[in-house]
């Protein structure tokens, strides 16, 4: 808990995953992969997928599995992991994304 605000602190995620600890997500992973990979050949824009649901059901794990898949590495020139939590500040998130893409602050 944060002592100042009284709100619980949320853990920041990263893109790393130990696949030996994951069970039962292959169908979901393949569904997302087929969507990403079929669309990657048709356009040159951004691909954004929102994964929503109750806490603890494996949203981050699923995102990590897709992000680290070899076929995603091959089909996309650039990829980025963005951790967004409460309080959500879309300006701060967008600014961080652009800065990372441009390689400068």
PDB file of N, CA and C in Angstrom:
ATOM      1  N   UNK A   1       0.826  -1.188   0.000  1.00  0.00           N
ATOM      2  CA  UNK A   1       0.000   0.000   0.000  1.00  0.00           C
ATOM      3  C   UNK A   1       0.869   1.249   0.000  1.00  0.00           C
ATOM      4  N   UNK A   2       0.447   2.221  -0.747  1.00  0.00           N
ATOM      5  CA  UNK A   2       1.129   3.505  -0.733  1.00  0.00           C
ATOM      6  C   UNK A   2       0.698   4.245   0.518  1.00  0.00           C
ATOM      7  N   UNK A   3       1.639   4.699   1.281  1.00  0.00           N
ATOM      8  CA  UNK A   3       1.328   5.373   2.537  1.00  0.00           C
ATOM      9  C   UNK A   3       0.715   6.746   2.310  1.00  0.00           C
ATOM     10  N   UNK A   4       1.068   7.396   1.201  1.00  0.00           N
ATOM     11  CA  UNK A   4       0.582   8.755   0.973  1.00  0.00           C
ATOM     12  C   UNK A   4      -0.844   8.801   0.455  1.00  0.00           C
ATOM     13  N   UNK A   5      -1.161   7.977  -0.529  1.00  0.00           N
ATOM     14  CA  UNK A   5      -2.468   8.088  -1.165  1.00  0.00           C
ATOM     15  C   UNK A   5      -3.486   7.106  -0.628  1.00  0.00           C
ATOM     16  N   UNK A   6      -3.028   6.020   0.010  1.00  0.00           N
ATOM     17  CA  UNK A   6      -3.965   5.020   0.477  1.00  0.00           C
ATOM     18  C   UNK A   6      -4.354   4.035  -0.618  1.00  0.00           C
ATOM     19  N   UNK A   7      -3.921   4.263  -1.841  1.00  0.00           N
ATOM     20  CA  UNK A   7      -4.211   3.356  -2.943  1.00  0.00           C
ATOM     21  C   UNK A   7      -3.150   2.269  -3.008  1.00  0.00           C
ATOM     22  N   UNK A   8      -3.542   1.037  -3.354  1.00  0.00           N
ATOM     23  CA  UNK A   8      -2.539  -0.022  -3.467  1.00  0.00           C
ATOM     24  C   UNK A   8      -1.609   0.244  -4.656  1.00  0.00           C
ATOM     25  N   UNK A   9      -0.330  -0.044  -4.461  1.00  0.00           N
ATOM     26  CA  UNK A   9       0.615   0.117  -5.556  1.00  0.00           C
ATOM     27  C   UNK A   9       0.490  -1.088  -6.478  1.00  0.00           C
ATOM     28  N   UNK A  10       0.496  -0.849  -7.786  1.00  0.00           N
ATOM     29  CA  UNK A  10       0.384  -1.928  -8.752  1.00  0.00           C
ATOM     30  C   UNK A  10       1.762  -2.266  -9.277  1.00  0.00           C
ATOM     31  N   UNK A  11       2.000  -3.546  -9.475  1.00  0.00           N
ATOM     32  CA  UNK A  11       3.272  -3.987 -10.009  1.00  0.00           C
ATOM     33  C   UNK A  11       3.367  -3.624 -11.475  1.00  0.00           C
ATOM     34  N   UNK A  12       4.554  -3.201 -11.903  1.00  0.00           N
ATOM     35  CA  UNK A  12       4.782  -2.942 -13.316  1.00  0.00           C
ATOM     36  C   UNK A  12       5.122  -4.267 -13.977  1.00  0.00           C
ATOM     37  N   UNK A  13       4.635  -4.445 -15.177  1.00  0.00           N
ATOM     38  CA  UNK A  13       4.913  -5.686 -15.891  1.00  0.00           C
ATOM     39  C   UNK A  13       6.029  -5.462 -16.890  1.00  0.00           C
ATOM     40  N   UNK A  14       6.561  -6.561 -17.389  1.00  0.00           N
ATOM     41  CA  UNK A  14       7.522  -6.509 -18.475  1.00  0.00           C
ATOM     42  C   UNK A  14       7.179  -7.619 -19.447  1.00  0.00           C
ATOM     43  N   UNK A  15       7.927  -7.718 -20.525  1.00  0.00           N
ATOM     44  CA  UNK A  15       7.571  -8.670 -21.575  1.00  0.00           C
ATOM     45  C   UNK A  15       8.144 -10.060 -21.365  1.00  0.00           C
ATOM     46  N   UNK A  16       8.924 -10.257 -20.310  1.00  0.00           N
ATOM     47  CA  UNK A  16       9.579 -11.554 -20.099  1.00  0.00           C
ATOM     48  C   UNK A  16       8.634 -12.554 -19.448  1.00  0.00           C
ATOM     49  N   UNK A  17       8.739 -13.833 -19.890  1.00  0.00           N
ATOM     50  CA  UNK A  17       7.869 -14.878 -19.351  1.00  0.00           C
ATOM     51  C   UNK A  17       8.618 -16.202 -19.347  1.00  0.00           C
ATOM     52  N   UNK A  18       8.332 -17.033 -18.352  1.00  0.00           N
ATOM     53  CA  UNK A  18       8.860 -18.386 -18.278  1.00  0.00           C
ATOM     54  C   UNK A  18       7.766 -19.306 -18.814  1.00  0.00           C
ATOM     55  N   UNK A  19       7.894 -19.712 -20.070  1.00  0.00           N
ATOM     56  CA  UNK A  19       6.844 -20.505 -20.716  1.00  0.00           C
ATOM     57  C   UNK A  19       6.645 -21.870 -20.077  1.00  0.00           C
ATOM     58  N   UNK A  20       7.634 -22.368 -19.346  1.00  0.00           N
ATOM     59  CA  UNK A  20       7.481 -23.674 -18.709  1.00  0.00           C
ATOM     60  C   UNK A  20       6.433 -23.641 -17.597  1.00  0.00           C
ATOM     61  N   UNK A  21       6.054 -22.449 -17.148  1.00  0.00           N
ATOM     62  CA  UNK A  21       5.066 -22.318 -16.079  1.00  0.00           C
ATOM     63  C   UNK A  21       3.655 -22.020 -16.600  1.00  0.00           C
ATOM     64  N   UNK A  22       3.483 -21.955 -17.932  1.00  0.00           N
ATOM     65  CA  UNK A  22       2.193 -21.578 -18.507  1.00  0.00           C
ATOM     66  C   UNK A  22       1.480 -22.822 -19.028  1.00  0.00           C
ATOM     67  N   UNK A  23       0.197 -22.947 -18.696  1.00  0.00           N
ATOM     68  CA  UNK A  23      -0.617 -24.070 -19.157  1.00  0.00           C
ATOM     69  C   UNK A  23      -1.949 -23.547 -19.685  1.00  0.00           C
ATOM     70  N   UNK A  24      -2.434 -24.127 -20.776  1.00  0.00           N
ATOM     71  CA  UNK A  24      -3.795 -23.898 -21.236  1.00  0.00           C
ATOM     72  C   UNK A  24      -4.074 -22.582 -21.935  1.00  0.00           C
ATOM     73  N   UNK A  25      -3.069 -21.910 -22.478  1.00  0.00           N
ATOM     74  CA  UNK A  25      -3.305 -20.632 -23.160  1.00  0.00           C
ATOM     75  C   UNK A  25      -3.037 -20.714 -24.664  1.00  0.00           C
ATOM     76  N   UNK A  26      -2.778 -21.904 -25.187  1.00  0.00           N
ATOM     77  CA  UNK A  26      -2.402 -22.046 -26.593  1.00  0.00           C
ATOM     78  C   UNK A  26      -3.492 -21.585 -27.564  1.00  0.00           C
ATOM     79  N   UNK A  27      -4.743 -21.905 -27.289  1.00  0.00           N
ATOM     80  CA  UNK A  27      -5.833 -21.505 -28.198  1.00  0.00           C
ATOM     81  C   UNK A  27      -5.943 -19.983 -28.246  1.00  0.00           C
ATOM     82  N   UNK A  28      -5.910 -19.350 -27.082  1.00  0.00           N
ATOM     83  CA  UNK A  28      -5.996 -17.889 -27.027  1.00  0.00           C
ATOM     84  C   UNK A  28      -4.788 -17.249 -27.707  1.00  0.00           C
ATOM     85  N   UNK A  29      -3.594 -17.787 -27.447  1.00  0.00           N
ATOM     86  CA  UNK A  29      -2.378 -17.259 -28.064  1.00  0.00           C
ATOM     87  C   UNK A  29      -2.460 -17.376 -29.584  1.00  0.00           C
ATOM     88  N   UNK A  30      -2.874 -18.527 -30.080  1.00  0.00           N
ATOM     89  CA  UNK A  30      -2.954 -18.731 -31.534  1.00  0.00           C
ATOM     90  C   UNK A  30      -4.015 -17.846 -32.185  1.00  0.00           C
ATOM     91  N   UNK A  31      -5.100 -17.580 -31.469  1.00  0.00           N
ATOM     92  CA  UNK A  31      -6.138 -16.676 -31.990  1.00  0.00           C
ATOM     93  C   UNK A  31      -5.572 -15.273 -32.171  1.00  0.00           C
ATOM     94  N   UNK A  32      -4.881 -14.776 -31.156  1.00  0.00           N
ATOM     95  CA  UNK A  32      -4.275 -13.442 -31.259  1.00  0.00           C
ATOM     96  C   UNK A  32      -3.178 -13.410 -32.316  1.00  0.00           C
ATOM     97  N   UNK A  33      -2.351 -14.446 -32.367  1.00  0.00           N
ATOM     98  CA  UNK A  33      -1.279 -14.489 -33.366  1.00  0.00           C
ATOM     99  C   UNK A  33      -1.838 -14.464 -34.780  1.00  0.00           C
ATOM    100  N   UNK A  34      -2.891 -15.225 -35.041  1.00  0.00           N
ATOM    101  CA  UNK A  34      -3.446 -15.242 -36.400  1.00  0.00           C
ATOM    102  C   UNK A  34      -4.004 -13.877 -36.777  1.00  0.00           C
ATOM    103  N   UNK A  35      -4.577 -13.165 -35.814  1.00  0.00           N
ATOM    104  CA  UNK A  35      -5.077 -11.818 -36.090  1.00  0.00           C
ATOM    105  C   UNK A  35      -3.923 -10.865 -36.400  1.00  0.00           C
ATOM    106  N   UNK A  36      -2.902 -10.863 -35.568  1.00  0.00           N
ATOM    107  CA  UNK A  36      -1.745  -9.993 -35.798  1.00  0.00           C
ATOM    108  C   UNK A  36      -1.050 -10.309 -37.111  1.00  0.00           C
ATOM    109  N   UNK A  37      -0.769 -11.563 -37.345  1.00  0.00           N
ATOM    110  CA  UNK A  37       0.050 -11.943 -38.493  1.00  0.00           C
ATOM    111  C   UNK A  37      -0.703 -11.796 -39.804  1.00  0.00           C
ATOM    112  N   UNK A  38      -2.012 -12.009 -39.820  1.00  0.00           N
ATOM    113  CA  UNK A  38      -2.763 -11.826 -41.057  1.00  0.00           C
ATOM    114  C   UNK A  38      -2.899 -10.350 -41.394  1.00  0.00           C
ATOM    115  N   UNK A  39      -3.008  -9.507 -40.369  1.00  0.00           N
ATOM    116  CA  UNK A  39      -3.140  -8.073 -40.600  1.00  0.00           C
ATOM    117  C   UNK A  39      -1.802  -7.414 -40.900  1.00  0.00           C
ATOM    118  N   UNK A  40      -0.694  -8.013 -40.455  1.00  0.00           N
ATOM    119  CA  UNK A  40       0.613  -7.377 -40.655  1.00  0.00           C
ATOM    120  C   UNK A  40       0.970  -7.313 -42.132  1.00  0.00           C
ATOM    121  N   UNK A  41       0.492  -8.251 -42.926  1.00  0.00           N
ATOM    122  CA  UNK A  41       0.784  -8.232 -44.350  1.00  0.00           C
ATOM    123  C   UNK A  41      -0.120  -7.298 -45.133  1.00  0.00           C
ATOM    124  N   UNK A  42      -1.196  -6.830 -44.523  1.00  0.00           N
ATOM    125  CA  UNK A  42      -2.177  -6.013 -45.229  1.00  0.00           C
ATOM    126  C   UNK A  42      -2.012  -4.520 -45.004  1.00  0.00           C
ATOM    127  N   UNK A  43      -1.341  -4.132 -43.951  1.00  0.00           N
ATOM    128  CA  UNK A  43      -1.237  -2.701 -43.663  1.00  0.00           C
ATOM    129  C   UNK A  43       0.112  -2.400 -43.041  1.00  0.00           C
ATOM    130  N   UNK A  44       0.415  -1.129 -42.951  1.00  0.00           N
ATOM    131  CA  UNK A  44       1.662  -0.709 -42.334  1.00  0.00           C
ATOM    132  C   UNK A  44       1.397   0.173 -41.125  1.00  0.00           C
ATOM    133  N   UNK A  45       0.233   0.032 -40.534  1.00  0.00           N
ATOM    134  CA  UNK A  45      -0.132   0.857 -39.390  1.00  0.00           C
ATOM    135  C   UNK A  45       0.197   0.174 -38.084  1.00  0.00           C
ATOM    136  N   UNK A  46      -0.362   0.702 -37.016  1.00  0.00           N
ATOM    137  CA  UNK A  46      -0.159   0.145 -35.691  1.00  0.00           C
ATOM    138  C   UNK A  46      -1.153  -0.968 -35.446  1.00  0.00           C
ATOM    139  N   UNK A  47      -0.734  -1.951 -34.699  1.00  0.00           N
ATOM    140  CA  UNK A  47      -1.615  -3.033 -34.299  1.00  0.00           C
ATOM    141  C   UNK A  47      -1.789  -2.944 -32.790  1.00  0.00           C
ATOM    142  N   UNK A  48      -3.024  -2.725 -32.366  1.00  0.00           N
ATOM    143  CA  UNK A  48      -3.310  -2.605 -30.947  1.00  0.00           C
ATOM    144  C   UNK A  48      -4.455  -3.553 -30.629  1.00  0.00           C
ATOM    145  N   UNK A  49      -4.267  -4.341 -29.608  1.00  0.00           N
ATOM    146  CA  UNK A  49      -5.314  -5.238 -29.147  1.00  0.00           C
ATOM    147  C   UNK A  49      -5.471  -5.018 -27.657  1.00  0.00           C
ATOM    148  N   UNK A  50      -6.683  -4.781 -27.227  1.00  0.00           N
ATOM    149  CA  UNK A  50      -6.954  -4.641 -25.799  1.00  0.00           C
ATOM    150  C   UNK A  50      -7.339  -5.998 -25.241  1.00  0.00           C
ATOM    151  N   UNK A  51      -6.691  -6.398 -24.179  1.00  0.00           N
ATOM    152  CA  UNK A  51      -7.021  -7.641 -23.492  1.00  0.00           C
ATOM    153  C   UNK A  51      -7.595  -7.227 -22.143  1.00  0.00           C
ATOM    154  N   UNK A  52      -8.873  -7.490 -21.955  1.00  0.00           N
ATOM    155  CA  UNK A  52      -9.555  -7.032 -20.746  1.00  0.00           C
ATOM    156  C   UNK A  52     -10.159  -8.210 -19.989  1.00  0.00           C
ATOM    157  N   UNK A  53     -10.331  -8.035 -18.701  1.00  0.00           N
ATOM    158  CA  UNK A  53     -10.945  -9.062 -17.870  1.00  0.00           C
ATOM    159  C   UNK A  53     -10.584  -8.840 -16.422  1.00  0.00           C
ATOM    160  N   UNK A  54     -11.139  -9.678 -15.585  1.00  0.00           N
ATOM    161  CA  UNK A  54     -10.889  -9.585 -14.146  1.00  0.00           C
ATOM    162  C   UNK A  54      -9.425  -9.874 -13.845  1.00  0.00           C
ATOM    163  N   UNK A  55      -8.954  -9.342 -12.737  1.00  0.00           N
ATOM    164  CA  UNK A  55      -7.581  -9.579 -12.321  1.00  0.00           C
ATOM    165  C   UNK A  55      -7.319 -11.054 -12.052  1.00  0.00           C
ATOM    166  N   UNK A  56      -6.140 -11.513 -12.478  1.00  0.00           N
ATOM    167  CA  UNK A  56      -5.725 -12.873 -12.162  1.00  0.00           C
ATOM    168  C   UNK A  56      -6.111 -13.937 -13.163  1.00  0.00           C
ATOM    169  N   UNK A  57      -6.720 -13.561 -14.295  1.00  0.00           N
ATOM    170  CA  UNK A  57      -7.139 -14.582 -15.258  1.00  0.00           C
ATOM    171  C   UNK A  57      -6.112 -14.845 -16.352  1.00  0.00           C
ATOM    172  N   UNK A  58      -4.993 -14.122 -16.334  1.00  0.00           N
ATOM    173  CA  UNK A  58      -3.918 -14.414 -17.269  1.00  0.00           C
ATOM    174  C   UNK A  58      -3.771 -13.461 -18.440  1.00  0.00           C
ATOM    175  N   UNK A  59      -4.292 -12.245 -18.299  1.00  0.00           N
ATOM    176  CA  UNK A  59      -4.191 -11.267 -19.402  1.00  0.00           C
ATOM    177  C   UNK A  59      -2.744 -10.928 -19.707  1.00  0.00           C
ATOM    178  N   UNK A  60      -1.964 -10.636 -18.688  1.00  0.00           N
ATOM    179  CA  UNK A  60      -0.563 -10.279 -18.897  1.00  0.00           C
ATOM    180  C   UNK A  60       0.210 -11.470 -19.441  1.00  0.00           C
ATOM    181  N   UNK A  61      -0.045 -12.651 -18.927  1.00  0.00           N
ATOM    182  CA  UNK A  61       0.628 -13.859 -19.412  1.00  0.00           C
ATOM    183  C   UNK A  61       0.350 -14.070 -20.893  1.00  0.00           C
ATOM    184  N   UNK A  62      -0.893 -13.915 -21.308  1.00  0.00           N
ATOM    185  CA  UNK A  62      -1.255 -14.069 -22.712  1.00  0.00           C
ATOM    186  C   UNK A  62      -0.540 -13.030 -23.573  1.00  0.00           C
ATOM    187  N   UNK A  63      -0.520 -11.790 -23.126  1.00  0.00           N
ATOM    188  CA  UNK A  63       0.165 -10.734 -23.873  1.00  0.00           C
ATOM    189  C   UNK A  63       1.659 -11.030 -23.980  1.00  0.00           C
ATOM    190  N   UNK A  64       2.261 -11.515 -22.910  1.00  0.00           N
ATOM    191  CA  UNK A  64       3.684 -11.851 -22.930  1.00  0.00           C
ATOM    192  C   UNK A  64       3.969 -12.980 -23.923  1.00  0.00           C
ATOM    193  N   UNK A  65       3.096 -13.976 -23.959  1.00  0.00           N
ATOM    194  CA  UNK A  65       3.290 -15.107 -24.875  1.00  0.00           C
ATOM    195  C   UNK A  65       3.273 -14.648 -26.330  1.00  0.00           C
ATOM    196  N   UNK A  66       2.315 -13.800 -26.669  1.00  0.00           N
ATOM    197  CA  UNK A  66       2.206 -13.307 -28.041  1.00  0.00           C
ATOM    198  C   UNK A  66       3.381 -12.389 -28.368  1.00  0.00           C
ATOM    199  N   UNK A  67       3.706 -11.492 -27.470  1.00  0.00           N
ATOM    200  CA  UNK A  67       4.786 -10.529 -27.678  1.00  0.00           C
ATOM    201  C   UNK A  67       6.114 -11.224 -27.966  1.00  0.00           C
ATOM    202  N   UNK A  68       6.382 -12.324 -27.287  1.00  0.00           N
ATOM    203  CA  UNK A  68       7.655 -13.022 -27.408  1.00  0.00           C
ATOM    204  C   UNK A  68       7.671 -14.129 -28.453  1.00  0.00           C
ATOM    205  N   UNK A  69       6.599 -14.310 -29.180  1.00  0.00           N
ATOM    206  CA  UNK A  69       6.526 -15.360 -30.194  1.00  0.00           C
ATOM    207  C   UNK A  69       7.480 -15.055 -31.356  1.00  0.00           C
ATOM    208  N   UNK A  70       8.168 -16.070 -31.840  1.00  0.00           N
ATOM    209  CA  UNK A  70       9.152 -15.901 -32.920  1.00  0.00           C
ATOM    210  C   UNK A  70       8.518 -15.332 -34.185  1.00  0.00           C
ATOM    211  N   UNK A  71       7.286 -15.721 -34.503  1.00  0.00           N
ATOM    212  CA  UNK A  71       6.657 -15.197 -35.722  1.00  0.00           C
ATOM    213  C   UNK A  71       6.337 -13.716 -35.612  1.00  0.00           C
ATOM    214  N   UNK A  72       6.093 -13.221 -34.418  1.00  0.00           N
ATOM    215  CA  UNK A  72       5.893 -11.787 -34.220  1.00  0.00           C
ATOM    216  C   UNK A  72       7.224 -11.068 -34.435  1.00  0.00           C
ATOM    217  N   UNK A  73       8.295 -11.634 -33.910  1.00  0.00           N
ATOM    218  CA  UNK A  73       9.633 -11.055 -34.121  1.00  0.00           C
ATOM    219  C   UNK A  73       9.942 -10.914 -35.614  1.00  0.00           C
ATOM    220  N   UNK A  74       9.585 -11.909 -36.401  1.00  0.00           N
ATOM    221  CA  UNK A  74       9.895 -11.917 -37.826  1.00  0.00           C
ATOM    222  C   UNK A  74       9.020 -10.944 -38.618  1.00  0.00           C
ATOM    223  N   UNK A  75       7.753 -10.822 -38.258  1.00  0.00           N
ATOM    224  CA  UNK A  75       6.800 -10.054 -39.067  1.00  0.00           C
ATOM    225  C   UNK A  75       6.741  -8.567 -38.747  1.00  0.00           C
ATOM    226  N   UNK A  76       7.242  -8.159 -37.597  1.00  0.00           N
ATOM    227  CA  UNK A  76       7.152  -6.760 -37.210  1.00  0.00           C
ATOM    228  C   UNK A  76       8.543  -6.150 -37.090  1.00  0.00           C
ATOM    229  N   UNK A  77       8.709  -5.009 -37.713  1.00  0.00           N
ATOM    230  CA  UNK A  77       9.989  -4.307 -37.649  1.00  0.00           C
ATOM    231  C   UNK A  77      10.279  -3.812 -36.242  1.00  0.00           C
ATOM    232  N   UNK A  78       9.255  -3.300 -35.580  1.00  0.00           N
ATOM    233  CA  UNK A  78       9.402  -2.779 -34.219  1.00  0.00           C
ATOM    234  C   UNK A  78       8.247  -3.287 -33.378  1.00  0.00           C
ATOM    235  N   UNK A  79       8.539  -3.475 -32.124  1.00  0.00           N
ATOM    236  CA  UNK A  79       7.478  -3.800 -31.172  1.00  0.00           C
ATOM    237  C   UNK A  79       7.837  -3.160 -29.845  1.00  0.00           C
ATOM    238  N   UNK A  80       6.828  -2.947 -29.015  1.00  0.00           N
ATOM    239  CA  UNK A  80       7.040  -2.216 -27.770  1.00  0.00           C
ATOM    240  C   UNK A  80       6.105  -2.756 -26.692  1.00  0.00           C
ATOM    241  N   UNK A  81       6.630  -2.903 -25.488  1.00  0.00           N
ATOM    242  CA  UNK A  81       5.826  -3.317 -24.332  1.00  0.00           C
ATOM    243  C   UNK A  81       5.502  -2.063 -23.532  1.00  0.00           C
ATOM    244  N   UNK A  82       4.229  -1.815 -23.321  1.00  0.00           N
ATOM    245  CA  UNK A  82       3.799  -0.646 -22.554  1.00  0.00           C
ATOM    246  C   UNK A  82       2.982  -1.132 -21.368  1.00  0.00           C
ATOM    247  N   UNK A  83       3.414  -0.759 -20.186  1.00  0.00           N
ATOM    248  CA  UNK A  83       2.700  -1.107 -18.964  1.00  0.00           C
ATOM    249  C   UNK A  83       1.846   0.093 -18.553  1.00  0.00           C
ATOM    250  N   UNK A  84       0.550  -0.102 -18.491  1.00  0.00           N
ATOM    251  CA  UNK A  84      -0.370   0.976 -18.138  1.00  0.00           C
ATOM    252  C   UNK A  84      -1.150   0.542 -16.911  1.00  0.00           C
ATOM    253  N   UNK A  85      -1.136   1.376 -15.877  1.00  0.00           N
ATOM    254  CA  UNK A  85      -1.880   1.048 -14.668  1.00  0.00           C
ATOM    255  C   UNK A  85      -2.533   2.311 -14.120  1.00  0.00           C
ATOM    256  N   UNK A  86      -3.144   2.179 -12.979  1.00  0.00           N
ATOM    257  CA  UNK A  86      -3.815   3.308 -12.351  1.00  0.00           C
ATOM    258  C   UNK A  86      -2.809   4.174 -11.623  1.00  0.00           C
ATOM    259  N   UNK A  87      -2.946   5.453 -11.594  1.00  0.00           N
ATOM    260  CA  UNK A  87      -3.901   6.245 -12.373  1.00  0.00           C
ATOM    261  C   UNK A  87      -3.453   6.331 -13.821  1.00  0.00           C
ATOM    262  N   UNK A  88      -4.392   6.159 -14.727  1.00  0.00           N
ATOM    263  CA  UNK A  88      -4.104   6.147 -16.153  1.00  0.00           C
ATOM    264  C   UNK A  88      -3.975   7.573 -16.674  1.00  0.00           C
ATOM    265  N   UNK A  89      -2.850   7.862 -17.304  1.00  0.00           N
ATOM    266  CA  UNK A  89      -2.594   9.183 -17.870  1.00  0.00           C
ATOM    267  C   UNK A  89      -2.211   8.982 -19.331  1.00  0.00           C
ATOM    268  N   UNK A  90      -3.191   9.098 -20.216  1.00  0.00           N
ATOM    269  CA  UNK A  90      -2.959   8.797 -21.636  1.00  0.00           C
ATOM    270  C   UNK A  90      -1.911   9.700 -22.272  1.00  0.00           C
ATOM    271  N   UNK A  91      -1.794  10.935 -21.821  1.00  0.00           N
ATOM    272  CA  UNK A  91      -0.784  11.851 -22.365  1.00  0.00           C
ATOM    273  C   UNK A  91       0.613  11.367 -21.990  1.00  0.00           C
ATOM    274  N   UNK A  92       0.792  10.981 -20.738  1.00  0.00           N
ATOM    275  CA  UNK A  92       2.086  10.486 -20.283  1.00  0.00           C
ATOM    276  C   UNK A  92       2.461   9.202 -21.031  1.00  0.00           C
ATOM    277  N   UNK A  93       1.498   8.303 -21.215  1.00  0.00           N
ATOM    278  CA  UNK A  93       1.761   7.043 -21.917  1.00  0.00           C
ATOM    279  C   UNK A  93       2.124   7.318 -23.373  1.00  0.00           C
ATOM    280  N   UNK A  94       1.349   8.154 -24.052  1.00  0.00           N
ATOM    281  CA  UNK A  94       1.628   8.477 -25.457  1.00  0.00           C
ATOM    282  C   UNK A  94       2.992   9.146 -25.607  1.00  0.00           C
ATOM    283  N   UNK A  95       3.312  10.040 -24.705  1.00  0.00           N
ATOM    284  CA  UNK A  95       4.602  10.728 -24.754  1.00  0.00           C
ATOM    285  C   UNK A  95       5.751   9.729 -24.586  1.00  0.00           C
ATOM    286  N   UNK A  96       5.618   8.802 -23.651  1.00  0.00           N
ATOM    287  CA  UNK A  96       6.651   7.794 -23.431  1.00  0.00           C
ATOM    288  C   UNK A  96       6.820   6.900 -24.661  1.00  0.00           C
ATOM    289  N   UNK A  97       5.729   6.557 -25.332  1.00  0.00           N
ATOM    290  CA  UNK A  97       5.794   5.734 -26.540  1.00  0.00           C
ATOM    291  C   UNK A  97       6.542   6.466 -27.654  1.00  0.00           C
ATOM    292  N   UNK A  98       6.166   7.714 -27.885  1.00  0.00           N
ATOM    293  CA  UNK A  98       6.805   8.503 -28.950  1.00  0.00           C
ATOM    294  C   UNK A  98       8.279   8.703 -28.645  1.00  0.00           C
ATOM    295  N   UNK A  99       8.607   9.002 -27.401  1.00  0.00           N
ATOM    296  CA  UNK A  99      10.010   9.185 -27.032  1.00  0.00           C
ATOM    297  C   UNK A  99      10.814   7.914 -27.266  1.00  0.00           C
ATOM    298  N   UNK A 100      10.229   6.768 -26.933  1.00  0.00           N
ATOM    299  CA  UNK A 100      10.932   5.519 -27.130  1.00  0.00           C
ATOM    300  C   UNK A 100      11.111   5.210 -28.616  1.00  0.00           C
ATOM    301  N   UNK A 101      10.101   5.487 -29.419  1.00  0.00           N
ATOM    302  CA  UNK A 101      10.205   5.256 -30.870  1.00  0.00           C
ATOM    303  C   UNK A 101      11.246   6.149 -31.517  1.00  0.00           C
ATOM    304  N   UNK A 102      11.345   7.388 -31.056  1.00  0.00           N
ATOM    305  CA  UNK A 102      12.291   8.341 -31.628  1.00  0.00           C
ATOM    306  C   UNK A 102      13.674   8.214 -31.022  1.00  0.00           C
ATOM    307  N   UNK A 103      13.784   7.512 -29.899  1.00  0.00           N
ATOM    308  CA  UNK A 103      15.075   7.324 -29.245  1.00  0.00           C
ATOM    309  C   UNK A 103      15.606   8.553 -28.546  1.00  0.00           C
ATOM    310  N   UNK A 104      14.714   9.469 -28.210  1.00  0.00           N
ATOM    311  CA  UNK A 104      15.154  10.694 -27.522  1.00  0.00           C
ATOM    312  C   UNK A 104      14.026  11.222 -26.652  1.00  0.00           C
ATOM    313  N   UNK A 105      14.388  12.060 -25.716  1.00  0.00           N
ATOM    314  CA  UNK A 105      13.372  12.689 -24.849  1.00  0.00           C
ATOM    315  C   UNK A 105      12.934  13.994 -25.463  1.00  0.00           C
TER     316      UNK A 105
END
